[in-house]
N, C-alpha and C. Protein backbone atom coordinates (compact mmCIF):
# COMPACT_ATOMS: atom_id res chain seq x y z
N MET A 1 178.66 192.90 16.01
CA MET A 1 178.08 191.86 16.80
C MET A 1 177.38 190.84 15.90
N MET A 2 176.51 191.31 15.04
CA MET A 2 175.75 190.41 14.17
C MET A 2 176.68 189.74 13.16
N ALA A 3 177.64 190.49 12.65
CA ALA A 3 178.55 189.93 11.64
C ALA A 3 179.37 188.78 12.21
N LEU A 4 179.69 188.86 13.49
CA LEU A 4 180.48 187.82 14.12
C LEU A 4 179.62 186.68 14.68
N GLY A 5 178.31 186.85 14.67
CA GLY A 5 177.42 185.83 15.18
C GLY A 5 177.31 185.81 16.69
N HIS A 6 177.62 186.92 17.33
CA HIS A 6 177.53 187.00 18.80
C HIS A 6 176.17 187.54 19.20
N ALA A 7 175.70 187.12 20.37
CA ALA A 7 174.39 187.56 20.83
C ALA A 7 174.46 188.87 21.62
N SER A 8 175.63 189.31 21.99
CA SER A 8 175.77 190.50 22.81
C SER A 8 176.94 191.34 22.36
N ILE A 9 176.82 192.65 22.58
CA ILE A 9 177.92 193.54 22.21
C ILE A 9 179.04 193.51 23.24
N THR A 10 178.85 192.82 24.34
CA THR A 10 179.85 192.80 25.39
C THR A 10 180.75 191.56 25.36
N THR A 11 180.62 190.73 24.33
CA THR A 11 181.50 189.56 24.24
C THR A 11 182.93 189.99 23.93
N LYS A 12 183.86 189.13 24.24
CA LYS A 12 185.27 189.45 24.01
C LYS A 12 185.57 189.68 22.54
N GLY A 13 184.99 188.88 21.65
CA GLY A 13 185.24 189.02 20.21
C GLY A 13 184.76 190.35 19.67
N VAL A 14 183.55 190.75 20.08
CA VAL A 14 182.98 192.02 19.61
C VAL A 14 183.79 193.18 20.18
N THR A 15 184.09 193.12 21.46
CA THR A 15 184.85 194.20 22.12
C THR A 15 186.23 194.36 21.50
N SER A 16 186.91 193.27 21.23
CA SER A 16 188.27 193.36 20.66
C SER A 16 188.21 193.89 19.21
N ALA A 17 187.21 193.52 18.44
CA ALA A 17 187.08 194.03 17.07
C ALA A 17 186.78 195.52 17.10
N TRP A 18 185.87 195.95 17.97
CA TRP A 18 185.53 197.37 18.09
C TRP A 18 186.74 198.16 18.53
N THR A 19 187.48 197.66 19.51
CA THR A 19 188.68 198.36 20.00
C THR A 19 189.72 198.50 18.90
N ALA A 20 189.92 197.46 18.12
CA ALA A 20 190.89 197.52 17.02
C ALA A 20 190.49 198.57 15.99
N LEU A 21 189.20 198.65 15.66
CA LEU A 21 188.73 199.65 14.70
C LEU A 21 188.91 201.07 15.24
N ILE A 22 188.58 201.28 16.52
CA ILE A 22 188.72 202.61 17.12
C ILE A 22 190.18 203.01 17.23
N GLU A 23 191.06 202.07 17.58
CA GLU A 23 192.48 202.39 17.68
C GLU A 23 193.05 202.81 16.32
N LYS A 24 192.59 202.19 15.25
CA LYS A 24 193.13 202.51 13.93
C LYS A 24 192.49 203.76 13.33
N PHE A 25 191.17 203.94 13.49
CA PHE A 25 190.45 205.01 12.80
C PHE A 25 189.97 206.14 13.72
N ASP A 26 190.22 206.03 15.01
CA ASP A 26 189.89 207.04 16.02
C ASP A 26 188.41 207.10 16.41
N ASN A 27 187.49 206.78 15.52
CA ASN A 27 186.07 206.82 15.87
C ASN A 27 185.27 205.90 14.95
N GLU A 28 184.05 205.64 15.35
CA GLU A 28 183.20 204.70 14.60
C GLU A 28 182.81 205.25 13.23
N VAL A 29 182.54 206.55 13.16
CA VAL A 29 182.12 207.15 11.88
C VAL A 29 183.21 206.98 10.83
N ALA A 30 184.44 207.23 11.21
CA ALA A 30 185.56 207.09 10.25
C ALA A 30 185.66 205.65 9.77
N ALA A 31 185.48 204.70 10.68
CA ALA A 31 185.57 203.28 10.29
C ALA A 31 184.39 202.88 9.41
N LEU A 32 183.19 203.29 9.76
CA LEU A 32 182.00 202.87 9.01
C LEU A 32 181.84 203.57 7.66
N LEU A 33 182.24 204.83 7.59
CA LEU A 33 181.96 205.60 6.36
C LEU A 33 183.16 205.88 5.47
N TYR A 34 184.33 206.03 6.07
CA TYR A 34 185.45 206.56 5.29
C TYR A 34 186.62 205.60 5.08
N ALA A 35 186.75 204.57 5.89
CA ALA A 35 187.87 203.65 5.74
C ALA A 35 187.74 202.87 4.44
N LYS A 36 188.84 202.77 3.71
CA LYS A 36 188.83 202.00 2.46
C LYS A 36 188.85 200.50 2.79
N PRO A 37 188.24 199.70 1.92
CA PRO A 37 188.19 198.26 2.21
C PRO A 37 189.57 197.65 2.48
N ASP A 38 190.60 198.09 1.75
CA ASP A 38 191.93 197.52 2.00
C ASP A 38 192.50 197.96 3.35
N GLU A 39 192.04 199.09 3.88
CA GLU A 39 192.46 199.53 5.22
C GLU A 39 191.79 198.70 6.31
N LEU A 40 190.72 198.01 5.95
CA LEU A 40 189.99 197.18 6.91
C LEU A 40 190.45 195.73 6.89
N ALA A 41 191.47 195.42 6.10
CA ALA A 41 191.91 194.05 5.92
C ALA A 41 192.38 193.38 7.21
N PHE A 42 192.74 194.16 8.21
CA PHE A 42 193.26 193.60 9.46
C PHE A 42 192.13 193.00 10.33
N ILE A 43 190.90 193.32 9.99
CA ILE A 43 189.76 192.88 10.81
C ILE A 43 189.08 191.69 10.11
N ASP A 44 188.26 190.96 10.81
CA ASP A 44 187.55 189.79 10.29
C ASP A 44 186.77 190.16 9.02
N ASN A 45 186.84 189.31 8.02
CA ASN A 45 186.15 189.55 6.73
C ASN A 45 184.65 189.73 6.89
N ARG A 46 184.07 189.06 7.87
CA ARG A 46 182.62 189.20 8.09
C ARG A 46 182.26 190.62 8.52
N ILE A 47 183.16 191.26 9.27
CA ILE A 47 182.92 192.64 9.68
C ILE A 47 183.08 193.57 8.50
N VAL A 48 184.09 193.33 7.67
CA VAL A 48 184.29 194.13 6.47
C VAL A 48 183.06 194.01 5.56
N ASP A 49 182.55 192.80 5.38
CA ASP A 49 181.35 192.59 4.55
C ASP A 49 180.15 193.34 5.11
N ALA A 50 180.00 193.35 6.43
CA ALA A 50 178.90 194.06 7.07
C ALA A 50 179.03 195.57 6.89
N ILE A 51 180.24 196.09 7.01
CA ILE A 51 180.47 197.52 6.79
C ILE A 51 180.16 197.90 5.36
N MET A 52 180.59 197.09 4.41
CA MET A 52 180.33 197.39 3.00
C MET A 52 178.82 197.28 2.68
N ALA A 53 178.13 196.34 3.29
CA ALA A 53 176.68 196.24 3.10
C ALA A 53 175.99 197.49 3.64
N PHE A 54 176.45 197.99 4.78
CA PHE A 54 175.92 199.23 5.36
C PHE A 54 176.13 200.39 4.40
N ARG A 55 177.33 200.53 3.88
CA ARG A 55 177.65 201.63 2.95
C ARG A 55 176.83 201.55 1.66
N ASN A 56 176.56 200.35 1.20
CA ASN A 56 175.85 200.16 -0.07
C ASN A 56 174.33 200.16 0.11
N GLY A 57 173.86 200.39 1.33
CA GLY A 57 172.43 200.42 1.58
C GLY A 57 171.76 199.07 1.49
N GLU A 58 172.49 198.00 1.75
CA GLU A 58 171.96 196.65 1.64
C GLU A 58 171.49 196.09 2.98
N VAL A 59 171.68 196.85 4.06
CA VAL A 59 171.25 196.40 5.37
C VAL A 59 169.74 196.52 5.46
N ILE A 60 169.09 195.49 5.94
CA ILE A 60 167.63 195.45 6.04
C ILE A 60 167.25 195.86 7.47
N ILE A 61 166.39 196.85 7.58
CA ILE A 61 165.97 197.38 8.89
C ILE A 61 164.58 196.81 9.22
N HIS A 62 164.48 196.18 10.37
CA HIS A 62 163.20 195.69 10.88
C HIS A 62 162.83 196.61 12.04
N PRO A 63 161.88 197.53 11.85
CA PRO A 63 161.57 198.47 12.91
C PRO A 63 160.92 197.79 14.10
N GLY A 64 161.12 198.38 15.25
CA GLY A 64 160.48 197.88 16.46
C GLY A 64 159.10 198.47 16.63
N GLY A 65 158.46 198.13 17.70
CA GLY A 65 157.15 198.66 18.02
C GLY A 65 156.31 197.61 18.72
N GLY A 66 155.33 198.05 19.46
CA GLY A 66 154.46 197.11 20.16
C GLY A 66 155.19 196.27 21.17
N GLY A 67 156.17 196.85 21.85
CA GLY A 67 156.92 196.14 22.87
C GLY A 67 158.07 195.30 22.35
N GLU A 68 158.38 195.39 21.06
CA GLU A 68 159.51 194.64 20.50
C GLU A 68 160.59 195.60 20.02
N TYR A 69 161.83 195.22 20.22
CA TYR A 69 162.94 196.01 19.74
C TYR A 69 163.10 195.82 18.23
N GLY A 70 163.50 196.86 17.56
CA GLY A 70 163.84 196.73 16.15
C GLY A 70 165.21 196.05 16.01
N HIS A 71 165.51 195.58 14.83
CA HIS A 71 166.82 194.98 14.59
C HIS A 71 167.18 195.14 13.12
N ILE A 72 168.43 194.87 12.83
CA ILE A 72 168.88 194.94 11.44
C ILE A 72 169.27 193.52 10.99
N GLU A 73 169.25 193.34 9.70
CA GLU A 73 169.60 192.05 9.11
C GLU A 73 170.58 192.31 7.97
N LEU A 74 171.64 191.55 7.95
CA LEU A 74 172.60 191.65 6.86
C LEU A 74 172.06 190.87 5.66
N PRO A 75 172.40 191.30 4.44
CA PRO A 75 171.84 190.64 3.26
C PRO A 75 172.17 189.16 3.15
N ASN A 76 173.26 188.72 3.70
CA ASN A 76 173.63 187.31 3.62
C ASN A 76 173.37 186.59 4.94
N SER A 77 172.48 187.13 5.75
CA SER A 77 172.18 186.57 7.05
C SER A 77 171.60 185.17 6.90
N LYS A 78 171.94 184.28 7.83
CA LYS A 78 171.43 182.92 7.80
C LYS A 78 170.09 182.81 8.50
N SER A 79 169.64 183.91 9.13
CA SER A 79 168.35 183.87 9.80
C SER A 79 167.22 183.84 8.77
N GLU A 80 166.02 183.65 9.24
CA GLU A 80 164.88 183.59 8.33
C GLU A 80 164.78 184.88 7.54
N ARG A 81 164.75 184.74 6.25
CA ARG A 81 164.72 185.89 5.34
C ARG A 81 163.35 186.53 5.32
N THR A 82 163.35 187.84 5.15
CA THR A 82 162.12 188.61 5.02
C THR A 82 161.69 188.60 3.57
N GLU A 83 160.39 188.62 3.34
CA GLU A 83 159.89 188.71 1.98
C GLU A 83 160.40 190.00 1.34
N PRO A 84 160.79 189.99 0.08
CA PRO A 84 161.37 191.18 -0.56
C PRO A 84 160.51 192.43 -0.45
N GLN A 85 159.19 192.32 -0.53
CA GLN A 85 158.36 193.51 -0.47
C GLN A 85 158.36 194.11 0.93
N GLN A 86 158.80 193.39 1.95
CA GLN A 86 158.81 193.90 3.31
C GLN A 86 160.17 194.45 3.70
N GLN A 87 161.15 194.32 2.86
CA GLN A 87 162.49 194.78 3.20
C GLN A 87 162.56 196.30 3.17
N ASN A 88 163.22 196.87 4.17
CA ASN A 88 163.48 198.29 4.22
C ASN A 88 164.98 198.47 4.06
N LYS A 89 165.42 198.87 2.90
CA LYS A 89 166.84 199.07 2.69
C LYS A 89 167.20 200.50 3.08
N THR A 90 168.35 200.63 3.72
CA THR A 90 168.77 201.95 4.15
C THR A 90 169.37 202.73 2.99
N LYS A 91 169.26 204.02 3.05
CA LYS A 91 169.91 204.89 2.09
C LYS A 91 171.13 205.46 2.78
N ALA A 92 172.24 205.44 2.12
CA ALA A 92 173.47 205.94 2.73
C ALA A 92 173.29 207.39 3.13
N GLN A 93 173.60 207.71 4.37
CA GLN A 93 173.52 209.07 4.86
C GLN A 93 174.90 209.51 5.24
N SER A 94 175.42 210.52 4.60
CA SER A 94 176.76 210.97 4.91
C SER A 94 176.77 212.35 5.54
N SER A 95 175.60 213.00 5.67
CA SER A 95 175.54 214.27 6.37
C SER A 95 174.17 214.40 7.03
N LEU A 96 174.03 215.39 7.88
CA LEU A 96 172.78 215.63 8.58
C LEU A 96 171.64 215.97 7.64
N PHE A 97 171.96 216.53 6.48
CA PHE A 97 170.94 217.00 5.58
C PHE A 97 170.49 215.94 4.56
N ASP A 98 170.97 214.71 4.70
CA ASP A 98 170.60 213.63 3.77
C ASP A 98 169.37 212.87 4.26
N PHE A 99 168.35 213.56 4.70
CA PHE A 99 167.13 212.90 5.18
C PHE A 99 166.14 212.75 4.07
């Protein structure tokens, strides 16, 4: 959704991209964690870049709280950037025990 610049997960563009990924890889985990970049070539490059940023731990997490929803930010996002000391970068988790 964010990679395509859509405001909702129910837009036609997001739904068609998600459906294409699920049809090819059977589930979201396989697409997000195990698909090789060249296997993702059929999908929009912005989505591939977002998946690779997720895998590399470059996604910035803005936690929610106090009545506000949390959100994530891609490293090349055009939105207002967070100060580097406030960035929470994710660590790649590939199993339940990687906490």
